[in-house]
PDB file of N, CA and C in Angstrom:
ATOM      1  N   MET A   1     109.384 112.445-122.210  1.00  0.00           N
ATOM      2  CA  MET A   1     109.281 111.668-120.974  1.00  0.00           C
ATOM      3  C   MET A   1     109.886 112.435-119.856  1.00  0.00           C
ATOM      4  N   VAL A   2     109.273 112.429-118.716  1.00  0.00           N
ATOM      5  CA  VAL A   2     109.783 113.005-117.508  1.00  0.00           C
ATOM      6  C   VAL A   2     109.687 112.033-116.383  1.00  0.00           C
ATOM      7  N   GLN A   3     110.660 111.989-115.501  1.00  0.00           N
ATOM      8  CA  GLN A   3     110.578 111.083-114.405  1.00  0.00           C
ATOM      9  C   GLN A   3     110.598 111.873-113.047  1.00  0.00           C
ATOM     10  N   VAL A   4     109.729 111.555-112.165  1.00  0.00           N
ATOM     11  CA  VAL A   4     109.717 112.138-110.858  1.00  0.00           C
ATOM     12  C   VAL A   4     109.293 111.075-109.843  1.00  0.00           C
ATOM     13  N   ASN A   5     110.060 111.012-108.727  1.00  0.00           N
ATOM     14  CA  ASN A   5     109.843 110.063-107.693  1.00  0.00           C
ATOM     15  C   ASN A   5     109.812 108.640-108.189  1.00  0.00           C
ATOM     16  N   GLY A   6     110.673 108.391-109.268  1.00  0.00           N
ATOM     17  CA  GLY A   6     110.793 107.045-109.799  1.00  0.00           C
ATOM     18  C   GLY A   6     109.663 106.696-110.747  1.00  0.00           C
ATOM     19  N   ILE A   7     108.771 107.591-111.056  1.00  0.00           N
ATOM     20  CA  ILE A   7     107.679 107.255-111.958  1.00  0.00           C
ATOM     21  C   ILE A   7     107.855 108.094-113.236  1.00  0.00           C
ATOM     22  N   SER A   8     107.642 107.430-114.341  1.00  0.00           N
ATOM     23  CA  SER A   8     107.806 108.026-115.640  1.00  0.00           C
ATOM     24  C   SER A   8     106.430 108.517-116.138  1.00  0.00           C
ATOM     25  N   TYR A   9     106.431 109.711-116.705  1.00  0.00           N
ATOM     26  CA  TYR A   9     105.245 110.358-117.328  1.00  0.00           C
ATOM     27  C   TYR A   9     105.543 110.839-118.711  1.00  0.00           C
ATOM     28  N   LYS A  10     104.548 110.701-119.554  1.00  0.00           N
ATOM     29  CA  LYS A  10     104.790 111.257-120.970  1.00  0.00           C
ATOM     30  C   LYS A  10     103.736 112.389-121.261  1.00  0.00           C
ATOM     31  N   LEU A  11     104.198 113.400-121.947  1.00  0.00           N
ATOM     32  CA  LEU A  11     103.388 114.535-122.211  1.00  0.00           C
ATOM     33  C   LEU A  11     102.477 114.153-123.333  1.00  0.00           C
ATOM     34  N   VAL A  12     101.180 114.190-123.129  1.00  0.00           N
ATOM     35  CA  VAL A  12     100.178 113.785-124.180  1.00  0.00           C
ATOM     36  C   VAL A  12      99.399 114.928-124.672  1.00  0.00           C
ATOM     37  N   GLU A  13      99.430 116.054-123.991  1.00  0.00           N
ATOM     38  CA  GLU A  13      98.719 117.232-124.567  1.00  0.00           C
ATOM     39  C   GLU A  13      99.351 118.483-123.966  1.00  0.00           C
ATOM     40  N   GLU A  14      99.540 119.541-124.735  1.00  0.00           N
ATOM     41  CA  GLU A  14     100.041 120.792-124.227  1.00  0.00           C
ATOM     42  C   GLU A  14      99.318 121.883-124.921  1.00  0.00           C
ATOM     43  N   ASN A  15      98.849 122.866-124.194  1.00  0.00           N
ATOM     44  CA  ASN A  15      98.142 124.014-124.707  1.00  0.00           C
ATOM     45  C   ASN A  15      98.891 125.283-124.349  1.00  0.00           C
ATOM     46  N   ARG A  16      99.203 126.077-125.348  1.00  0.00           N
ATOM     47  CA  ARG A  16      99.794 127.432-125.134  1.00  0.00           C
ATOM     48  C   ARG A  16     101.141 127.338-124.389  1.00  0.00           C
ATOM     49  N   ASP A  17     101.973 126.441-124.854  1.00  0.00           N
ATOM     50  CA  ASP A  17     103.383 126.343-124.269  1.00  0.00           C
ATOM     51  C   ASP A  17     103.373 126.302-122.718  1.00  0.00           C
ATOM     52  N   ALA A  18     102.441 125.417-122.180  1.00  0.00           N
ATOM     53  CA  ALA A  18     102.315 125.279-120.743  1.00  0.00           C
ATOM     54  C   ALA A  18     103.402 124.487-120.093  1.00  0.00           C
ATOM     55  N   TRP A  19     103.966 123.536-120.839  1.00  0.00           N
ATOM     56  CA  TRP A  19     104.881 122.574-120.181  1.00  0.00           C
ATOM     57  C   TRP A  19     106.145 123.227-119.703  1.00  0.00           C
ATOM     58  N   ASP A  20     106.486 123.039-118.451  1.00  0.00           N
ATOM     59  CA  ASP A  20     107.703 123.430-117.888  1.00  0.00           C
ATOM     60  C   ASP A  20     108.075 122.373-116.882  1.00  0.00           C
ATOM     61  N   GLU A  21     109.153 121.562-117.301  1.00  0.00           N
ATOM     62  CA  GLU A  21     109.572 120.383-116.521  1.00  0.00           C
ATOM     63  C   GLU A  21     110.088 120.807-115.204  1.00  0.00           C
ATOM     64  N   GLU A  22     110.856 121.836-115.081  1.00  0.00           N
ATOM     65  CA  GLU A  22     111.438 122.256-113.774  1.00  0.00           C
ATOM     66  C   GLU A  22     110.308 122.610-112.803  1.00  0.00           C
ATOM     67  N   ALA A  23     109.324 123.440-113.263  1.00  0.00           N
ATOM     68  CA  ALA A  23     108.203 123.785-112.416  1.00  0.00           C
ATOM     69  C   ALA A  23     107.380 122.603-111.994  1.00  0.00           C
ATOM     70  N   PHE A  24     107.144 121.657-112.943  1.00  0.00           N
ATOM     71  CA  PHE A  24     106.461 120.435-112.614  1.00  0.00           C
ATOM     72  C   PHE A  24     107.130 119.596-111.565  1.00  0.00           C
ATOM     73  N   VAL A  25     108.384 119.367-111.668  1.00  0.00           N
ATOM     74  CA  VAL A  25     109.109 118.546-110.700  1.00  0.00           C
ATOM     75  C   VAL A  25     109.093 119.317-109.310  1.00  0.00           C
ATOM     76  N   ALA A  26     109.241 120.611-109.317  1.00  0.00           N
ATOM     77  CA  ALA A  26     109.278 121.333-108.059  1.00  0.00           C
ATOM     78  C   ALA A  26     107.859 121.296-107.334  1.00  0.00           C
ATOM     79  N   ARG A  27     106.770 121.259-108.209  1.00  0.00           N
ATOM     80  CA  ARG A  27     105.413 121.329-107.625  1.00  0.00           C
ATOM     81  C   ARG A  27     104.834 119.963-107.312  1.00  0.00           C
ATOM     82  N   PHE A  28     105.444 118.933-107.906  1.00  0.00           N
ATOM     83  CA  PHE A  28     104.912 117.612-107.753  1.00  0.00           C
ATOM     84  C   PHE A  28     104.864 117.087-106.310  1.00  0.00           C
ATOM     85  N   SER A  29     103.700 116.465-105.982  1.00  0.00           N
ATOM     86  CA  SER A  29     103.487 115.957-104.597  1.00  0.00           C
ATOM     87  C   SER A  29     103.211 114.418-104.612  1.00  0.00           C
ATOM     88  N   ASP A  30     103.590 113.753-103.572  1.00  0.00           N
ATOM     89  CA  ASP A  30     103.410 112.347-103.483  1.00  0.00           C
ATOM     90  C   ASP A  30     101.932 111.925-103.668  1.00  0.00           C
ATOM     91  N   VAL A  31     101.027 112.785-103.349  1.00  0.00           N
ATOM     92  CA  VAL A  31      99.576 112.529-103.451  1.00  0.00           C
ATOM     93  C   VAL A  31      99.222 112.196-104.899  1.00  0.00           C
ATOM     94  N   LEU A  32      99.890 112.792-105.912  1.00  0.00           N
ATOM     95  CA  LEU A  32      99.631 112.584-107.234  1.00  0.00           C
ATOM     96  C   LEU A  32     100.049 111.246-107.802  1.00  0.00           C
ATOM     97  N   GLU A  33     100.844 110.476-107.042  1.00  0.00           N
ATOM     98  CA  GLU A  33     101.387 109.242-107.545  1.00  0.00           C
ATOM     99  C   GLU A  33     100.297 108.195-107.845  1.00  0.00           C
ATOM    100  N   LYS A  34      99.120 108.331-107.204  1.00  0.00           N
ATOM    101  CA  LYS A  34      98.090 107.319-107.379  1.00  0.00           C
ATOM    102  C   LYS A  34      97.277 107.563-108.673  1.00  0.00           C
ATOM    103  N   TYR A  35      97.480 108.624-109.352  1.00  0.00           N
ATOM    104  CA  TYR A  35      96.683 108.954-110.538  1.00  0.00           C
ATOM    105  C   TYR A  35      97.281 108.403-111.870  1.00  0.00           C
ATOM    106  N   ASP A  36      96.506 108.219-112.890  1.00  0.00           N
ATOM    107  CA  ASP A  36      97.008 107.776-114.171  1.00  0.00           C
ATOM    108  C   ASP A  36      97.418 108.990-115.008  1.00  0.00           C
ATOM    109  N   TYR A  37      96.814 110.193-114.691  1.00  0.00           N
ATOM    110  CA  TYR A  37      97.120 111.402-115.459  1.00  0.00           C
ATOM    111  C   TYR A  37      97.263 112.577-114.441  1.00  0.00           C
ATOM    112  N   VAL A  38      98.228 113.480-114.837  1.00  0.00           N
ATOM    113  CA  VAL A  38      98.389 114.643-114.043  1.00  0.00           C
ATOM    114  C   VAL A  38      98.208 115.868-114.986  1.00  0.00           C
ATOM    115  N   VAL A  39      97.333 116.765-114.608  1.00  0.00           N
ATOM    116  CA  VAL A  39      97.063 117.927-115.413  1.00  0.00           C
ATOM    117  C   VAL A  39      97.643 119.149-114.640  1.00  0.00           C
ATOM    118  N   GLY A  40      98.330 119.883-115.396  1.00  0.00           N
ATOM    119  CA  GLY A  40      98.925 121.154-114.869  1.00  0.00           C
ATOM    120  C   GLY A  40      98.337 122.379-115.509  1.00  0.00           C
ATOM    121  N   ASP A  41      97.811 123.295-114.808  1.00  0.00           N
ATOM    122  CA  ASP A  41      97.335 124.500-115.317  1.00  0.00           C
ATOM    123  C   ASP A  41      97.918 125.734-114.679  1.00  0.00           C
ATOM    124  N   TRP A  42      98.103 126.772-115.484  1.00  0.00           N
ATOM    125  CA  TRP A  42      98.755 127.980-114.988  1.00  0.00           C
ATOM    126  C   TRP A  42      97.724 129.092-114.761  1.00  0.00           C
ATOM    127  N   GLY A  43      97.801 129.721-113.594  1.00  0.00           N
ATOM    128  CA  GLY A  43      97.015 130.886-113.280  1.00  0.00           C
ATOM    129  C   GLY A  43      97.714 131.814-112.358  1.00  0.00           C
ATOM    130  N   TYR A  44      97.751 133.097-112.719  1.00  0.00           N
ATOM    131  CA  TYR A  44      98.504 134.077-111.925  1.00  0.00           C
ATOM    132  C   TYR A  44      99.957 133.633-111.693  1.00  0.00           C
ATOM    133  N   GLU A  45     100.600 133.068-112.696  1.00  0.00           N
ATOM    134  CA  GLU A  45     101.939 132.641-112.739  1.00  0.00           C
ATOM    135  C   GLU A  45     102.248 131.483-111.756  1.00  0.00           C
ATOM    136  N   GLN A  46     101.195 130.791-111.303  1.00  0.00           N
ATOM    137  CA  GLN A  46     101.325 129.707-110.358  1.00  0.00           C
ATOM    138  C   GLN A  46     100.848 128.400-111.133  1.00  0.00           C
ATOM    139  N   LEU A  47     101.613 127.359-110.926  1.00  0.00           N
ATOM    140  CA  LEU A  47     101.279 126.040-111.528  1.00  0.00           C
ATOM    141  C   LEU A  47     100.414 125.274-110.472  1.00  0.00           C
ATOM    142  N   ARG A  48      99.286 124.800-110.947  1.00  0.00           N
ATOM    143  CA  ARG A  48      98.466 123.993-110.169  1.00  0.00           C
ATOM    144  C   ARG A  48      98.401 122.554-110.790  1.00  0.00           C
ATOM    145  N   LEU A  49      98.515 121.496-110.022  1.00  0.00           N
ATOM    146  CA  LEU A  49      98.516 120.117-110.509  1.00  0.00           C
ATOM    147  C   LEU A  49      97.260 119.371-109.921  1.00  0.00           C
ATOM    148  N   THR A  50      96.667 118.713-110.793  1.00  0.00           N
ATOM    149  CA  THR A  50      95.451 117.937-110.438  1.00  0.00           C
ATOM    150  C   THR A  50      95.582 116.516-111.034  1.00  0.00           C
ATOM    151  N   GLY A  51      95.168 115.497-110.284  1.00  0.00           N
ATOM    152  CA  GLY A  51      95.212 114.161-110.791  1.00  0.00           C
ATOM    153  C   GLY A  51      93.873 113.631-111.309  1.00  0.00           C
ATOM    154  N   PHE A  52      93.922 112.695-112.337  1.00  0.00           N
ATOM    155  CA  PHE A  52      92.800 112.082-112.878  1.00  0.00           C
ATOM    156  C   PHE A  52      93.084 110.626-113.111  1.00  0.00           C
ATOM    157  N   TYR A  53      92.039 109.766-113.079  1.00  0.00           N
ATOM    158  CA  TYR A  53      92.173 108.335-113.295  1.00  0.00           C
ATOM    159  C   TYR A  53      91.849 107.966-114.730  1.00  0.00           C
ATOM    160  N   ARG A  54      92.268 106.858-115.214  1.00  0.00           N
ATOM    161  CA  ARG A  54      91.886 106.415-116.555  1.00  0.00           C
ATOM    162  C   ARG A  54      90.377 106.112-116.563  1.00  0.00           C
ATOM    163  N   ASN A  55      89.766 106.242-117.730  1.00  0.00           N
ATOM    164  CA  ASN A  55      88.347 105.988-117.886  1.00  0.00           C
ATOM    165  C   ASN A  55      87.834 104.592-117.413  1.00  0.00           C
ATOM    166  N   SER A  56      88.626 103.583-117.500  1.00  0.00           N
ATOM    167  CA  SER A  56      88.244 102.295-117.114  1.00  0.00           C
ATOM    168  C   SER A  56      88.411 102.019-115.674  1.00  0.00           C
ATOM    169  N   GLN A  57      88.880 102.922-114.802  1.00  0.00           N
ATOM    170  CA  GLN A  57      89.077 102.792-113.424  1.00  0.00           C
ATOM    171  C   GLN A  57      87.680 102.627-112.771  1.00  0.00           C
ATOM    172  N   GLU A  58      87.466 101.613-112.036  1.00  0.00           N
ATOM    173  CA  GLU A  58      86.210 101.341-111.304  1.00  0.00           C
ATOM    174  C   GLU A  58      86.249 101.927-109.930  1.00  0.00           C
ATOM    175  N   GLY A  59      85.038 102.381-109.434  1.00  0.00           N
ATOM    176  CA  GLY A  59      84.870 102.830-108.065  1.00  0.00           C
ATOM    177  C   GLY A  59      85.358 104.269-107.812  1.00  0.00           C
ATOM    178  N   VAL A  60      85.471 105.004-108.851  1.00  0.00           N
ATOM    179  CA  VAL A  60      85.817 106.507-108.655  1.00  0.00           C
ATOM    180  C   VAL A  60      84.775 107.343-109.380  1.00  0.00           C
ATOM    181  N   PRO A  61      84.527 108.583-108.842  1.00  0.00           N
ATOM    182  CA  PRO A  61      83.545 109.376-109.521  1.00  0.00           C
ATOM    183  C   PRO A  61      83.909 109.777-110.929  1.00  0.00           C
ATOM    184  N   VAL A  62      82.960 109.941-111.781  1.00  0.00           N
ATOM    185  CA  VAL A  62      83.196 110.257-113.208  1.00  0.00           C
ATOM    186  C   VAL A  62      84.020 111.588-113.309  1.00  0.00           C
ATOM    187  N   SER A  63      83.807 112.484-112.278  1.00  0.00           N
ATOM    188  CA  SER A  63      84.544 113.742-112.328  1.00  0.00           C
ATOM    189  C   SER A  63      86.083 113.525-112.035  1.00  0.00           C
ATOM    190  N   SER A  64      86.445 112.363-111.601  1.00  0.00           N
ATOM    191  CA  SER A  64      87.806 112.065-111.324  1.00  0.00           C
ATOM    192  C   SER A  64      88.496 111.312-112.474  1.00  0.00           C
ATOM    193  N   LYS A  65      87.763 111.068-113.588  1.00  0.00           N
ATOM    194  CA  LYS A  65      88.272 110.340-114.731  1.00  0.00           C
ATOM    195  C   LYS A  65      88.726 111.323-115.820  1.00  0.00           C
ATOM    196  N   ILE A  66      89.661 110.926-116.625  1.00  0.00           N
ATOM    197  CA  ILE A  66      90.246 111.806-117.627  1.00  0.00           C
ATOM    198  C   ILE A  66      89.206 112.301-118.666  1.00  0.00           C
ATOM    199  N   SER A  67      88.118 111.573-118.829  1.00  0.00           N
ATOM    200  CA  SER A  67      87.070 111.991-119.772  1.00  0.00           C
ATOM    201  C   SER A  67      86.372 113.274-119.297  1.00  0.00           C
ATOM    202  N   SER A  68      86.632 113.635-118.029  1.00  0.00           N
ATOM    203  CA  SER A  68      86.056 114.883-117.505  1.00  0.00           C
ATOM    204  C   SER A  68      86.991 116.126-117.538  1.00  0.00           C
ATOM    205  N   LEU A  69      88.090 115.943-118.364  1.00  0.00           N
ATOM    206  CA  LEU A  69      89.111 116.960-118.415  1.00  0.00           C
ATOM    207  C   LEU A  69      88.506 118.281-118.921  1.00  0.00           C
ATOM    208  N   GLN A  70      87.755 118.202-120.044  1.00  0.00           N
ATOM    209  CA  GLN A  70      87.204 119.514-120.575  1.00  0.00           C
ATOM    210  C   GLN A  70      86.297 120.192-119.582  1.00  0.00           C
ATOM    211  N   ASP A  71      85.495 119.495-118.835  1.00  0.00           N
ATOM    212  CA  ASP A  71      84.637 120.130-117.878  1.00  0.00           C
ATOM    213  C   ASP A  71      85.468 120.699-116.709  1.00  0.00           C
ATOM    214  N   PHE A  72      86.554 120.063-116.300  1.00  0.00           N
ATOM    215  CA  PHE A  72      87.459 120.588-115.304  1.00  0.00           C
ATOM    216  C   PHE A  72      88.095 121.910-115.841  1.00  0.00           C
ATOM    217  N   LEU A  73      88.547 121.925-117.080  1.00  0.00           N
ATOM    218  CA  LEU A  73      89.221 123.092-117.604  1.00  0.00           C
ATOM    219  C   LEU A  73      88.243 124.316-117.750  1.00  0.00           C
ATOM    220  N   LEU A  74      86.986 123.980-118.026  1.00  0.00           N
ATOM    221  CA  LEU A  74      85.993 125.073-118.171  1.00  0.00           C
ATOM    222  C   LEU A  74      85.521 125.568-116.837  1.00  0.00           C
ATOM    223  N   GLU A  75      85.416 124.694-115.891  1.00  0.00           N
ATOM    224  CA  GLU A  75      84.797 125.026-114.558  1.00  0.00           C
ATOM    225  C   GLU A  75      85.818 125.443-113.512  1.00  0.00           C
ATOM    226  N   TYR A  76      87.043 124.938-113.521  1.00  0.00           N
ATOM    227  CA  TYR A  76      87.990 125.220-112.425  1.00  0.00           C
ATOM    228  C   TYR A  76      89.210 126.037-112.894  1.00  0.00           C
ATOM    229  N   CYS A  77      89.393 126.191-114.117  1.00  0.00           N
ATOM    230  CA  CYS A  77      90.605 126.918-114.557  1.00  0.00           C
ATOM    231  C   CYS A  77      90.240 128.301-115.034  1.00  0.00           C
ATOM    232  N   ASN A  78      91.249 129.141-115.028  1.00  0.00           N
ATOM    233  CA  ASN A  78      90.970 130.528-115.651  1.00  0.00           C
ATOM    234  C   ASN A  78      90.760 130.359-117.146  1.00  0.00           C
ATOM    235  N   PHE A  79      89.804 131.121-117.665  1.00  0.00           N
ATOM    236  CA  PHE A  79      89.499 130.980-119.037  1.00  0.00           C
ATOM    237  C   PHE A  79      90.728 131.168-119.947  1.00  0.00           C
ATOM    238  N   GLY A  80      91.012 130.205-120.783  1.00  0.00           N
ATOM    239  CA  GLY A  80      92.117 130.338-121.716  1.00  0.00           C
ATOM    240  C   GLY A  80      93.546 130.086-121.099  1.00  0.00           C
ATOM    241  N   SER A  81      93.530 129.567-119.798  1.00  0.00           N
ATOM    242  CA  SER A  81      94.846 129.486-119.173  1.00  0.00           C
ATOM    243  C   SER A  81      95.643 128.309-119.898  1.00  0.00           C
ATOM    244  N   PRO A  82      96.879 128.349-119.919  1.00  0.00           N
ATOM    245  CA  PRO A  82      97.733 127.349-120.455  1.00  0.00           C
ATOM    246  C   PRO A  82      97.648 126.069-119.634  1.00  0.00           C
ATOM    247  N   TYR A  83      97.693 124.928-120.211  1.00  0.00           N
ATOM    248  CA  TYR A  83      97.608 123.669-119.436  1.00  0.00           C
ATOM    249  C   TYR A  83      98.397 122.590-120.219  1.00  0.00           C
ATOM    250  N   PHE A  84      98.685 121.446-119.433  1.00  0.00           N
ATOM    251  CA  PHE A  84      99.306 120.320-120.126  1.00  0.00           C
ATOM    252  C   PHE A  84      98.746 119.040-119.370  1.00  0.00           C
ATOM    253  N   VAL A  85      98.806 117.979-120.116  1.00  0.00           N
ATOM    254  CA  VAL A  85      98.372 116.658-119.561  1.00  0.00           C
ATOM    255  C   VAL A  85      99.553 115.646-119.684  1.00  0.00           C
ATOM    256  N   LEU A  86      99.839 115.072-118.532  1.00  0.00           N
ATOM    257  CA  LEU A  86     100.905 113.990-118.510  1.00  0.00           C
ATOM    258  C   LEU A  86     100.185 112.687-118.267  1.00  0.00           C
ATOM    259  N   GLU A  87     100.669 111.618-118.919  1.00  0.00           N
ATOM    260  CA  GLU A  87     100.066 110.284-118.689  1.00  0.00           C
ATOM    261  C   GLU A  87     101.153 109.395-118.094  1.00  0.00           C
ATOM    262  N   ARG A  88     100.762 108.736-117.035  1.00  0.00           N
ATOM    263  CA  ARG A  88     101.684 107.783-116.321  1.00  0.00           C
ATOM    264  C   ARG A  88     102.208 106.698-117.300  1.00  0.00           C
ATOM    265  N   ALA A  89     103.354 106.434-117.397  1.00  0.00           N
ATOM    266  CA  ALA A  89     103.939 105.458-118.337  1.00  0.00           C
ATOM    267  C   ALA A  89     103.605 104.041-117.967  1.00  0.00           C
ATOM    268  N   GLU A  90     103.538 103.804-116.690  1.00  0.00           N
ATOM    269  CA  GLU A  90     103.254 102.404-116.204  1.00  0.00           C
ATOM    270  C   GLU A  90     102.388 102.458-114.998  1.00  0.00           C
ATOM    271  N   ARG A  91     101.573 101.444-114.763  1.00  0.00           N
ATOM    272  CA  ARG A  91     100.694 101.372-113.616  1.00  0.00           C
ATOM    273  C   ARG A  91     101.512 100.814-112.426  1.00  0.00           C
ATOM    274  N   PRO A  92     101.237 101.302-111.270  1.00  0.00           N
ATOM    275  CA  PRO A  92     101.898 100.719-110.101  1.00  0.00           C
ATOM    276  C   PRO A  92     101.427  99.328-109.846  1.00  0.00           C
ATOM    277  N   LYS A  93     102.345  98.482-109.440  1.00  0.00           N
ATOM    278  CA  LYS A  93     101.938  97.114-109.116  1.00  0.00           C
ATOM    279  C   LYS A  93     101.233  97.053-107.757  1.00  0.00           C
ATOM    280  N   LYS A  94     100.129  96.331-107.810  1.00  0.00           N
ATOM    281  CA  LYS A  94      99.395  96.149-106.596  1.00  0.00           C
ATOM    282  C   LYS A  94     100.101  95.253-105.645  1.00  0.00           C
ATOM    283  N   LYS A  95     100.120  95.604-104.370  1.00  0.00           N
ATOM    284  CA  LYS A  95     100.720  94.783-103.293  1.00  0.00           C
ATOM    285  C   LYS A  95      99.851  93.643-103.045  1.00  0.00           C
ATOM    286  N   VAL A  96     100.383  92.467-102.982  1.00  0.00           N
ATOM    287  CA  VAL A  96      99.593  91.228-102.622  1.00  0.00           C
ATOM    288  C   VAL A  96      99.738  90.990-101.230  1.00  0.00           C
ATOM    289  N   ARG A  97      98.658  90.936-100.578  1.00  0.00           N
ATOM    290  CA  ARG A  97      98.638  90.585 -99.102  1.00  0.00           C
ATOM    291  C   ARG A  97      98.392  89.138 -98.975  1.00  0.00           C
ATOM    292  N   ARG A  98      99.310  88.513 -98.327  1.00  0.00           N
ATOM    293  CA  ARG A  98      99.120  87.071 -97.993  1.00  0.00           C
ATOM    294  C   ARG A  98      98.580  86.861 -96.568  1.00  0.00           C
ATOM    295  N   ARG A  99      97.689  85.897 -96.552  1.00  0.00           N
ATOM    296  CA  ARG A  99      97.159  85.563 -95.185  1.00  0.00           C
ATOM    297  C   ARG A  99      98.013  84.503 -94.604  1.00  0.00           C
ATOM    298  N   ARG A 100      98.146  84.694 -93.293  1.00  0.00           N
ATOM    299  CA  ARG A 100      98.864  83.655 -92.537  1.00  0.00           C
ATOM    300  C   ARG A 100      97.970  82.480 -92.393  1.00  0.00           C
ATOM    301  N   LYS A 101      98.530  81.352 -92.654  1.00  0.00           N
ATOM    302  CA  LYS A 101      97.747  80.103 -92.425  1.00  0.00           C
ATOM    303  C   LYS A 101      97.754  79.778 -90.966  1.00  0.00           C
ATOM    304  N   ARG A 102      96.577  79.513 -90.499  1.00  0.00           N
ATOM    305  CA  ARG A 102      96.447  79.087 -89.146  1.00  0.00           C
ATOM    306  C   ARG A 102      96.380  77.507 -88.985  1.00  0.00           C
ATOM    307  N   PRO A 103      96.999  77.024 -88.012  1.00  0.00           N
ATOM    308  CA  PRO A 103      96.791  75.551 -87.786  1.00  0.00           C
ATOM    309  C   PRO A 103      95.330  75.199 -87.515  1.00  0.00           C
ATOM    310  N   ILE A 104      95.030  73.968 -87.936  1.00  0.00           N
ATOM    311  CA  ILE A 104      93.576  73.556 -87.712  1.00  0.00           C
ATOM    312  C   ILE A 104      93.366  73.495 -86.205  1.00  0.00           C
ATOM    313  N   GLY A 105      92.151  74.097 -85.853  1.00  0.00           N
ATOM    314  CA  GLY A 105      91.794  74.141 -84.418  1.00  0.00           C
ATOM    315  C   GLY A 105      92.173  75.447 -83.742  1.00  0.00           C
ATOM    316  N   GLU A 106      93.009  76.299 -84.402  1.00  0.00           N
ATOM    317  CA  GLU A 106      93.404  77.524 -83.796  1.00  0.00           C
ATOM    318  C   GLU A 106      92.267  78.509 -84.001  1.00  0.00           C
ATOM    319  N   GLU A 107      91.945  79.257 -82.980  1.00  0.00           N
ATOM    320  CA  GLU A 107      90.817  80.226 -83.076  1.00  0.00           C
ATOM    321  C   GLU A 107      91.383  81.572 -83.655  1.00  0.00           C
ATOM    322  N   LYS A 108      90.459  82.304 -84.207  1.00  0.00           N
ATOM    323  CA  LYS A 108      90.797  83.550 -84.801  1.00  0.00           C
ATOM    324  C   LYS A 108      90.950  84.667 -83.708  1.00  0.00           C
TER     325      LYS A 108
END
């Protein structure tokens, strides 16, 4: 388990000793917080991080779901490059927006 920005992730897959916690924490960006999975791949000694959603997520392209991981690795990563997959330990709680009640007769 690793924690970054108050979010816990667990390592679910590692290929060729790719996992480096220090490099992950240093490279992590707030943009990745919305994803269910974070994939890290190494190329030219640089760590690249990409986010994916769970397969049940509605309203996102199939290419953004974790089921497309193999396609991503084949198409966008250097052949045979080391990679790892982290899964978010908990889903963020959705913010509930409450509507202000208007008195009867008040216009919008």
